[in-house]
Full PDB file with SEQRES, HELIX, SHEET, SSBOND, CRYST1, ORIGX, SCALE, CONECT and MASTER records, all heavy atoms in Angstrom:
SEQRES   1 A   34  PRO ALA GLN ALA GLN ASN VAL ARG LEU ARG ILE VAL GLY          
SEQRES   2 A   34  GLU ARG GLU PRO ILE VAL PRO GLY ASP PRO ASN ALA ASN          
SEQRES   3 A   34  ALA ASP PRO ASP GLY ASP GLY VAL                              
CRYST1    1.000    1.000    1.000  90.00  90.00  90.00 P 1           1          
ORIGX1      1.000000  0.000000  0.000000        0.00000                         
ORIGX2      0.000000  1.000000  0.000000        0.00000                         
ORIGX3      0.000000  0.000000  1.000000        0.00000                         
SCALE1      1.000000  0.000000  0.000000        0.00000                         
SCALE2      0.000000  1.000000  0.000000        0.00000                         
SCALE3      0.000000  0.000000  1.000000        0.00000                         
ATOM      1  N   PRO A   1      12.551  95.449  75.099  1.00  0.00           N  
ATOM      2  CA  PRO A   1      12.828  94.757  73.827  1.00  0.00           C  
ATOM      3  C   PRO A   1      13.933  93.713  73.956  1.00  0.00           C  
ATOM      4  O   PRO A   1      13.870  92.661  73.321  1.00  0.00           O  
ATOM      5  CB  PRO A   1      13.233  95.907  72.904  1.00  0.00           C  
ATOM      6  CG  PRO A   1      12.544  97.112  73.459  1.00  0.00           C  
ATOM      7  CD  PRO A   1      12.546  96.912  74.946  1.00  0.00           C  
ATOM      8  N   ALA A   2      14.927  93.980  74.805  1.00  0.00           N  
ATOM      9  CA  ALA A   2      16.008  93.004  74.964  1.00  0.00           C  
ATOM     10  C   ALA A   2      15.522  91.736  75.650  1.00  0.00           C  
ATOM     11  O   ALA A   2      16.006  90.639  75.348  1.00  0.00           O  
ATOM     12  CB  ALA A   2      17.157  93.638  75.759  1.00  0.00           C  
ATOM     13  N   GLN A   3      14.559  91.857  76.568  1.00  0.00           N  
ATOM     14  CA  GLN A   3      14.043  90.681  77.266  1.00  0.00           C  
ATOM     15  C   GLN A   3      13.165  89.813  76.370  1.00  0.00           C  
ATOM     16  O   GLN A   3      12.969  88.625  76.666  1.00  0.00           O  
ATOM     17  CB  GLN A   3      13.246  91.107  78.493  1.00  0.00           C  
ATOM     18  CG  GLN A   3      14.092  91.698  79.607  1.00  0.00           C  
ATOM     19  CD  GLN A   3      13.234  92.196  80.758  1.00  0.00           C  
ATOM     20  OE1 GLN A   3      12.177  92.792  80.554  1.00  0.00           O  
ATOM     21  NE2 GLN A   3      13.689  91.951  81.979  1.00  0.00           N  
ATOM     22  N   ALA A   4      12.613  90.384  75.312  1.00  0.00           N  
ATOM     23  CA  ALA A   4      11.726  89.638  74.418  1.00  0.00           C  
ATOM     24  C   ALA A   4      12.441  89.123  73.178  1.00  0.00           C  
ATOM     25  O   ALA A   4      11.824  88.444  72.357  1.00  0.00           O  
ATOM     26  CB  ALA A   4      10.544  90.519  73.997  1.00  0.00           C  
ATOM     27  N   GLN A   5      13.720  89.416  73.033  1.00  0.00           N  
ATOM     28  CA  GLN A   5      14.482  88.990  71.875  1.00  0.00           C  
ATOM     29  C   GLN A   5      15.534  87.966  72.291  1.00  0.00           C  
ATOM     30  O   GLN A   5      16.109  88.045  73.387  1.00  0.00           O  
ATOM     31  CB  GLN A   5      15.178  90.198  71.221  1.00  0.00           C  
ATOM     32  CG  GLN A   5      14.238  91.282  70.722  1.00  0.00           C  
ATOM     33  CD  GLN A   5      13.638  90.944  69.379  1.00  0.00           C  
ATOM     34  OE1 GLN A   5      14.177  90.127  68.634  1.00  0.00           O  
ATOM     35  NE2 GLN A   5      12.527  91.584  69.049  1.00  0.00           N  
ATOM     36  N   ASN A   6      15.772  87.003  71.392  1.00  0.00           N  
ATOM     37  CA  ASN A   6      16.848  86.025  71.593  1.00  0.00           C  
ATOM     38  C   ASN A   6      16.707  85.322  72.947  1.00  0.00           C  
ATOM     39  O   ASN A   6      17.635  85.258  73.755  1.00  0.00           O  
ATOM     40  CB  ASN A   6      18.215  86.713  71.478  1.00  0.00           C  
ATOM     41  CG  ASN A   6      19.345  85.709  71.281  1.00  0.00           C  
ATOM     42  OD1 ASN A   6      19.152  84.627  70.735  1.00  0.00           O  
ATOM     43  ND2 ASN A   6      20.527  86.085  71.740  1.00  0.00           N  
ATOM     44  N   VAL A   7      15.549  84.775  73.204  1.00  0.00           N  
ATOM     45  CA  VAL A   7      15.228  84.142  74.494  1.00  0.00           C  
ATOM     46  C   VAL A   7      15.561  82.659  74.435  1.00  0.00           C  
ATOM     47  O   VAL A   7      15.142  81.956  73.509  1.00  0.00           O  
ATOM     48  CB  VAL A   7      13.742  84.353  74.837  1.00  0.00           C  
ATOM     49  CG1 VAL A   7      13.407  83.684  76.161  1.00  0.00           C  
ATOM     50  CG2 VAL A   7      13.416  85.838  74.889  1.00  0.00           C  
ATOM     51  N   ARG A   8      16.296  82.188  75.426  1.00  0.00           N  
ATOM     52  CA  ARG A   8      16.704  80.788  75.448  1.00  0.00           C  
ATOM     53  C   ARG A   8      15.514  79.879  75.685  1.00  0.00           C  
ATOM     54  O   ARG A   8      14.699  80.131  76.568  1.00  0.00           O  
ATOM     55  CB  ARG A   8      17.757  80.555  76.528  1.00  0.00           C  
ATOM     56  CG  ARG A   8      18.368  79.142  76.496  1.00  0.00           C  
ATOM     57  CD  ARG A   8      19.581  79.057  77.400  1.00  0.00           C  
ATOM     58  NE  ARG A   8      19.206  79.165  78.799  1.00  0.00           N  
ATOM     59  CZ  ARG A   8      18.906  78.110  79.552  1.00  0.00           C  
ATOM     60  NH1 ARG A   8      18.902  76.883  79.027  1.00  0.00           N  
ATOM     61  NH2 ARG A   8      18.593  78.258  80.820  1.00  0.00           N  
ATOM     62  N   LEU A   9      15.423  78.815  74.904  1.00  0.00           N  
ATOM     63  CA  LEU A   9      14.337  77.840  75.037  1.00  0.00           C  
ATOM     64  C   LEU A   9      14.637  76.927  76.223  1.00  0.00           C  
ATOM     65  O   LEU A   9      15.766  76.483  76.410  1.00  0.00           O  
ATOM     66  CB  LEU A   9      14.200  77.037  73.753  1.00  0.00           C  
ATOM     67  CG  LEU A   9      13.066  76.026  73.655  1.00  0.00           C  
ATOM     68  CD1 LEU A   9      12.626  75.879  72.198  1.00  0.00           C  
ATOM     69  CD2 LEU A   9      13.479  74.651  74.180  1.00  0.00           C  
ATOM     70  N   ARG A  10      13.614  76.636  77.005  1.00  0.00           N  
ATOM     71  CA  ARG A  10      13.768  75.762  78.154  1.00  0.00           C  
ATOM     72  C   ARG A  10      12.500  74.943  78.340  1.00  0.00           C  
ATOM     73  O   ARG A  10      11.401  75.445  78.143  1.00  0.00           O  
ATOM     74  CB  ARG A  10      14.050  76.575  79.417  1.00  0.00           C  
ATOM     75  CG  ARG A  10      14.365  75.734  80.631  1.00  0.00           C  
ATOM     76  CD  ARG A  10      14.828  76.626  81.777  1.00  0.00           C  
ATOM     77  NE  ARG A  10      13.772  77.534  82.205  1.00  0.00           N  
ATOM     78  CZ  ARG A  10      12.848  77.210  83.119  1.00  0.00           C  
ATOM     79  NH1 ARG A  10      12.842  76.012  83.649  1.00  0.00           N  
ATOM     80  NH2 ARG A  10      11.932  78.078  83.474  1.00  0.00           N  
ATOM     81  N   ILE A  11      12.662  73.664  78.691  1.00  0.00           N  
ATOM     82  CA  ILE A  11      11.521  72.806  78.965  1.00  0.00           C  
ATOM     83  C   ILE A  11      10.949  73.187  80.330  1.00  0.00           C  
ATOM     84  O   ILE A  11      11.678  73.310  81.312  1.00  0.00           O  
ATOM     85  CB  ILE A  11      11.922  71.322  78.941  1.00  0.00           C  
ATOM     86  CG1 ILE A  11      12.540  70.966  77.580  1.00  0.00           C  
ATOM     87  CG2 ILE A  11      10.729  70.437  79.230  1.00  0.00           C  
ATOM     88  CD1 ILE A  11      11.622  71.208  76.410  1.00  0.00           C  
ATOM     89  N   VAL A  12       9.640  73.359  80.382  1.00  0.00           N  
ATOM     90  CA  VAL A  12       8.970  73.823  81.595  1.00  0.00           C  
ATOM     91  C   VAL A  12       8.296  72.640  82.264  1.00  0.00           C  
ATOM     92  O   VAL A  12       7.555  71.880  81.631  1.00  0.00           O  
ATOM     93  CB  VAL A  12       7.934  74.918  81.257  1.00  0.00           C  
ATOM     94  CG1 VAL A  12       7.200  75.354  82.514  1.00  0.00           C  
ATOM     95  CG2 VAL A  12       8.625  76.100  80.607  1.00  0.00           C  
ATOM     96  N   GLY A  13       8.540  72.472  83.567  1.00  0.00           N  
ATOM     97  CA  GLY A  13       7.885  71.425  84.330  1.00  0.00           C  
ATOM     98  C   GLY A  13       6.519  71.869  84.820  1.00  0.00           C  
ATOM     99  O   GLY A  13       6.122  73.031  84.672  1.00  0.00           O  
ATOM    100  N   GLU A  14       5.780  70.933  85.394  1.00  0.00           N  
ATOM    101  CA  GLU A  14       4.450  71.238  85.897  1.00  0.00           C  
ATOM    102  C   GLU A  14       4.545  72.007  87.221  1.00  0.00           C  
ATOM    103  O   GLU A  14       5.374  71.698  88.073  1.00  0.00           O  
ATOM    104  CB  GLU A  14       3.643  69.960  86.099  1.00  0.00           C  
ATOM    105  CG  GLU A  14       3.346  69.210  84.806  1.00  0.00           C  
ATOM    106  CD  GLU A  14       2.466  68.011  85.042  1.00  0.00           C  
ATOM    107  OE1 GLU A  14       2.093  67.778  86.210  1.00  0.00           O  
ATOM    108  OE2 GLU A  14       2.161  67.300  84.073  1.00  0.00           O  
ATOM    109  N   ARG A  15       3.689  73.027  87.344  1.00  0.00           N  
ATOM    110  CA  ARG A  15       3.575  73.817  88.574  1.00  0.00           C  
ATOM    111  C   ARG A  15       4.890  74.468  88.984  1.00  0.00           C  
ATOM    112  O   ARG A  15       5.249  74.511  90.162  1.00  0.00           O  
ATOM    113  CB  ARG A  15       3.022  72.960  89.720  1.00  0.00           C  
ATOM    114  CG  ARG A  15       1.637  72.401  89.434  1.00  0.00           C  
ATOM    115  CD  ARG A  15       1.106  71.639  90.627  1.00  0.00           C  
ATOM    116  NE  ARG A  15      -0.218  71.103  90.370  1.00  0.00           N  
ATOM    117  CZ  ARG A  15      -1.354  71.776  90.516  1.00  0.00           C  
ATOM    118  NH1 ARG A  15      -1.313  73.032  90.935  1.00  0.00           N  
ATOM    119  NH2 ARG A  15      -2.521  71.206  90.262  1.00  0.00           N  
ATOM    120  N   GLU A  16       5.620  74.946  87.991  1.00  0.00           N  
ATOM    121  CA  GLU A  16       6.832  75.684  88.337  1.00  0.00           C  
ATOM    122  C   GLU A  16       6.463  77.038  88.923  1.00  0.00           C  
ATOM    123  O   GLU A  16       5.487  77.661  88.508  1.00  0.00           O  
ATOM    124  CB  GLU A  16       7.713  75.871  87.100  1.00  0.00           C  
ATOM    125  CG  GLU A  16       8.471  74.636  86.689  1.00  0.00           C  
ATOM    126  CD  GLU A  16       9.610  74.964  85.744  1.00  0.00           C  
ATOM    127  OE1 GLU A  16       9.796  76.156  85.435  1.00  0.00           O  
ATOM    128  OE2 GLU A  16      10.313  74.032  85.314  1.00  0.00           O  
ATOM    129  N   PRO A  17       7.229  77.514  89.902  1.00  0.00           N  
ATOM    130  CA  PRO A  17       6.907  78.822  90.484  1.00  0.00           C  
ATOM    131  C   PRO A  17       7.139  79.952  89.489  1.00  0.00           C  
ATOM    132  O   PRO A  17       7.985  79.848  88.592  1.00  0.00           O  
ATOM    133  CB  PRO A  17       7.879  78.916  91.673  1.00  0.00           C  
ATOM    134  CG  PRO A  17       9.019  78.016  91.306  1.00  0.00           C  
ATOM    135  CD  PRO A  17       8.416  76.886  90.525  1.00  0.00           C  
ATOM    136  N   ILE A  18       6.375  81.010  89.648  1.00  0.00           N  
ATOM    137  CA  ILE A  18       6.521  82.187  88.797  1.00  0.00           C  
ATOM    138  C   ILE A  18       7.682  83.016  89.320  1.00  0.00           C  
ATOM    139  O   ILE A  18       7.712  83.395  90.495  1.00  0.00           O  
ATOM    140  CB  ILE A  18       5.227  83.014  88.780  1.00  0.00           C  
ATOM    141  CG1 ILE A  18       4.086  82.181  88.184  1.00  0.00           C  
ATOM    142  CG2 ILE A  18       5.413  84.301  88.002  1.00  0.00           C  
ATOM    143  CD1 ILE A  18       2.746  82.897  88.216  1.00  0.00           C  
ATOM    144  N   VAL A  19       8.639  83.279  88.441  1.00  0.00           N  
ATOM    145  CA  VAL A  19       9.809  84.062  88.806  1.00  0.00           C  
ATOM    146  C   VAL A  19       9.847  85.285  87.888  1.00  0.00           C  
ATOM    147  O   VAL A  19      10.331  85.201  86.761  1.00  0.00           O  
ATOM    148  CB  VAL A  19      11.111  83.249  88.675  1.00  0.00           C  
ATOM    149  CG1 VAL A  19      12.301  84.089  89.123  1.00  0.00           C  
ATOM    150  CG2 VAL A  19      11.019  81.961  89.475  1.00  0.00           C  
ATOM    151  N   PRO A  20       9.320  86.426  88.333  1.00  0.00           N  
ATOM    152  CA  PRO A  20       9.342  87.626  87.480  1.00  0.00           C  
ATOM    153  C   PRO A  20      10.784  88.037  87.168  1.00  0.00           C  
ATOM    154  O   PRO A  20      11.673  87.969  88.011  1.00  0.00           O  
ATOM    155  CB  PRO A  20       8.631  88.675  88.339  1.00  0.00           C  
ATOM    156  CG  PRO A  20       7.835  87.889  89.328  1.00  0.00           C  
ATOM    157  CD  PRO A  20       8.630  86.652  89.595  1.00  0.00           C  
ATOM    158  N   GLY A  21      11.004  88.450  85.934  1.00  0.00           N  
ATOM    159  CA  GLY A  21      12.328  88.886  85.527  1.00  0.00           C  
ATOM    160  C   GLY A  21      13.293  87.766  85.234  1.00  0.00           C  
ATOM    161  O   GLY A  21      14.496  88.008  85.101  1.00  0.00           O  
ATOM    162  N   ASP A  22      12.806  86.523  85.142  1.00  0.00           N  
ATOM    163  CA  ASP A  22      13.668  85.398  84.814  1.00  0.00           C  
ATOM    164  C   ASP A  22      14.268  85.620  83.430  1.00  0.00           C  
ATOM    165  O   ASP A  22      13.536  85.877  82.463  1.00  0.00           O  
ATOM    166  CB  ASP A  22      12.849  84.108  84.830  1.00  0.00           C  
ATOM    167  CG  ASP A  22      13.726  82.862  84.716  1.00  0.00           C  
ATOM    168  OD1 ASP A  22      14.929  83.015  84.429  1.00  0.00           O  
ATOM    169  OD2 ASP A  22      13.209  81.763  84.908  1.00  0.00           O  
ATOM    170  N   PRO A  23      15.570  85.550  83.263  1.00  0.00           N  
ATOM    171  CA  PRO A  23      16.158  85.779  81.935  1.00  0.00           C  
ATOM    172  C   PRO A  23      15.799  84.708  80.924  1.00  0.00           C  
ATOM    173  O   PRO A  23      15.988  84.915  79.724  1.00  0.00           O  
ATOM    174  CB  PRO A  23      17.670  85.789  82.218  1.00  0.00           C  
ATOM    175  CG  PRO A  23      17.825  85.016  83.492  1.00  0.00           C  
ATOM    176  CD  PRO A  23      16.587  85.311  84.292  1.00  0.00           C  
ATOM    177  N   ASN A  24      15.298  83.571  81.377  1.00  0.00           N  
ATOM    178  CA  ASN A  24      14.885  82.503  80.467  1.00  0.00           C  
ATOM    179  C   ASN A  24      13.364  82.478  80.360  1.00  0.00           C  
ATOM    180  O   ASN A  24      12.650  82.921  81.254  1.00  0.00           O  
ATOM    181  CB  ASN A  24      15.387  81.148  80.958  1.00  0.00           C  
ATOM    182  CG  ASN A  24      16.894  81.129  81.116  1.00  0.00           C  
ATOM    183  OD1 ASN A  24      17.609  81.667  80.275  1.00  0.00           O  
ATOM    184  ND2 ASN A  24      17.376  80.540  82.191  1.00  0.00           N  
ATOM    185  N   ALA A  25      12.876  81.962  79.248  1.00  0.00           N  
ATOM    186  CA  ALA A  25      11.430  81.819  79.073  1.00  0.00           C  
ATOM    187  C   ALA A  25      10.936  80.724  80.002  1.00  0.00           C  
ATOM    188  O   ALA A  25      11.256  79.551  79.827  1.00  0.00           O  
ATOM    189  CB  ALA A  25      11.092  81.487  77.622  1.00  0.00           C  
ATOM    190  N   ASN A  26      10.173  81.072  81.004  1.00  0.00           N  
ATOM    191  CA  ASN A  26       9.759  80.094  82.006  1.00  0.00           C  
ATOM    192  C   ASN A  26       8.260  79.880  82.033  1.00  0.00           C  
ATOM    193  O   ASN A  26       7.725  79.384  82.999  1.00  0.00           O  
ATOM    194  CB  ASN A  26      10.212  80.536  83.403  1.00  0.00           C  
ATOM    195  CG  ASN A  26       9.529  81.821  83.848  1.00  0.00           C  
ATOM    196  OD1 ASN A  26       9.163  82.647  83.032  1.00  0.00           O  
ATOM    197  ND2 ASN A  26       9.361  81.999  85.149  1.00  0.00           N  
ATOM    198  N   ALA A  27       7.565  80.263  80.973  1.00  0.00           N  
ATOM    199  CA  ALA A  27       6.117  80.073  80.904  1.00  0.00           C  
ATOM    200  C   ALA A  27       5.761  79.292  79.650  1.00  0.00           C  
ATOM    201  O   ALA A  27       6.461  79.361  78.641  1.00  0.00           O  
ATOM    202  CB  ALA A  27       5.391  81.424  80.913  1.00  0.00           C  
ATOM    203  N   ASP A  28       4.667  78.547  79.733  1.00  0.00           N  
ATOM    204  CA  ASP A  28       4.231  77.696  78.629  1.00  0.00           C  
ATOM    205  C   ASP A  28       2.747  77.929  78.370  1.00  0.00           C  
ATOM    206  O   ASP A  28       1.910  77.118  78.773  1.00  0.00           O  
ATOM    207  CB  ASP A  28       4.506  76.228  78.970  1.00  0.00           C  
ATOM    208  CG  ASP A  28       4.048  75.282  77.881  1.00  0.00           C  
ATOM    209  OD1 ASP A  28       3.982  75.709  76.713  1.00  0.00           O  
ATOM    210  OD2 ASP A  28       3.734  74.118  78.199  1.00  0.00           O  
ATOM    211  N   PRO A  29       2.382  79.028  77.726  1.00  0.00           N  
ATOM    212  CA  PRO A  29       0.954  79.330  77.554  1.00  0.00           C  
ATOM    213  C   PRO A  29       0.210  78.367  76.638  1.00  0.00           C  
ATOM    214  O   PRO A  29      -1.001  78.228  76.762  1.00  0.00           O  
ATOM    215  CB  PRO A  29       0.964  80.754  76.976  1.00  0.00           C  
ATOM    216  CG  PRO A  29       2.303  80.913  76.354  1.00  0.00           C  
ATOM    217  CD  PRO A  29       3.243  80.088  77.172  1.00  0.00           C  
ATOM    218  N   ASP A  30       0.890  77.714  75.691  1.00  0.00           N  
ATOM    219  CA  ASP A  30       0.185  76.808  74.790  1.00  0.00           C  
ATOM    220  C   ASP A  30       0.201  75.366  75.268  1.00  0.00           C  
ATOM    221  O   ASP A  30      -0.349  74.490  74.603  1.00  0.00           O  
ATOM    222  CB  ASP A  30       0.760  76.897  73.367  1.00  0.00           C  
ATOM    223  CG  ASP A  30       2.275  76.747  73.348  1.00  0.00           C  
ATOM    224  OD1 ASP A  30       2.847  76.434  74.410  1.00  0.00           O  
ATOM    225  OD2 ASP A  30       2.873  76.949  72.276  1.00  0.00           O  
ATOM    226  N   GLY A  31       0.832  75.080  76.402  1.00  0.00           N  
ATOM    227  CA  GLY A  31       0.729  73.768  77.021  1.00  0.00           C  
ATOM    228  C   GLY A  31       1.466  72.646  76.348  1.00  0.00           C  
ATOM    229  O   GLY A  31       1.112  71.475  76.547  1.00  0.00           O  
ATOM    230  N   ASP A  32       2.524  72.929  75.572  1.00  0.00           N  
ATOM    231  CA  ASP A  32       3.269  71.863  74.916  1.00  0.00           C  
ATOM    232  C   ASP A  32       4.533  71.483  75.668  1.00  0.00           C  
ATOM    233  O   ASP A  32       5.319  70.659  75.204  1.00  0.00           O  
ATOM    234  CB  ASP A  32       3.622  72.259  73.485  1.00  0.00           C  
ATOM    235  CG  ASP A  32       4.452  73.539  73.422  1.00  0.00           C  
ATOM    236  OD1 ASP A  32       4.727  74.131  74.486  1.00  0.00           O  
ATOM    237  OD2 ASP A  32       4.810  73.946  72.293  1.00  0.00           O  
ATOM    238  N   GLY A  33       4.750  72.076  76.841  1.00  0.00           N  
ATOM    239  CA  GLY A  33       5.909  71.744  77.644  1.00  0.00           C  
ATOM    240  C   GLY A  33       7.158  72.542  77.332  1.00  0.00           C  
ATOM    241  O   GLY A  33       8.176  72.374  78.004  1.00  0.00           O  
ATOM    242  N   VAL A  34       7.109  73.398  76.329  1.00  0.00           N  
ATOM    243  CA  VAL A  34       8.264  74.193  75.922  1.00  0.00           C  
ATOM    244  C   VAL A  34       8.062  75.626  76.398  1.00  0.00           C  
ATOM    245  O   VAL A  34       7.020  76.243  76.125  1.00  0.00           O  
ATOM    246  CB  VAL A  34       8.458  74.155  74.394  1.00  0.00           C  
ATOM    247  CG1 VAL A  34       9.638  75.029  73.980  1.00  0.00           C  
ATOM    248  CG2 VAL A  34       8.672  72.721  73.930  1.00  0.00           C  
TER     249      VAL A  34                                                      
MASTER        0    0    0    0    0    0    0    6  248    1    0    3          
END                                                                             
């Protein structure tokens, strides 16, 4: 629950590597770059 709450917004670049356990939101499932 702590990892899914109060998550810092970050702009995601193209083809960024997957980093499991990253404290920041590093995925963009809706494709808007955020």
